[in-house]
């Protein structure tokens, strides 16, 4: 099919010499407008569609895996994780000390032990506990006087440095100290 270049009328025959509508001569090359060729677009094959979907699926899986790695990395950073925390060179010498001004003072203790658990006991003062702790380990001692007189003192030392100390002199007073190993 062709169209007249002057008026755009559809020409019913390809061998027409004049446009029936406007009379323009169609024998010249510019007299008729031929339609544009059919589109060269081809729809993708089923194999290509499947390949594209597989690529998108793989990309999605990789993105999820990267996200999970980033999430676990952030959690580890927040928790102060250090892969060498369990080595002997990365451990700290911890000393808990509880003392009293009276020679026969008794105290009730609650403390965080070497494995991270809590222990309770009643002791005659002075009392000391030494152990090693990994870096960033939580440390805690709470000591309560079992009487009305005297002063009770508690302290945490890590590698010889005082992390925290406290004292109580009221009846049945409580001295509590806590911190983290460096």
Foldseek 3Di string as FASTA:
>chain_A
DKAFPPPRHDDPDPPDQADPPPGDGCPDVNGIGDDDDDDPDDDDDPVVVVVVVVVVVVVVVVVVVVVVVVVVVVVCVVVVHDPCQPPPVQKKKKKKWKAWPDQFWKKWKWWQDQVRDIDIDIDGPGDMDIDIHTFFRKTKMKIWTPFAATKMKIFMDINRHTPDIFMDGGTRDMTMDIDTHD
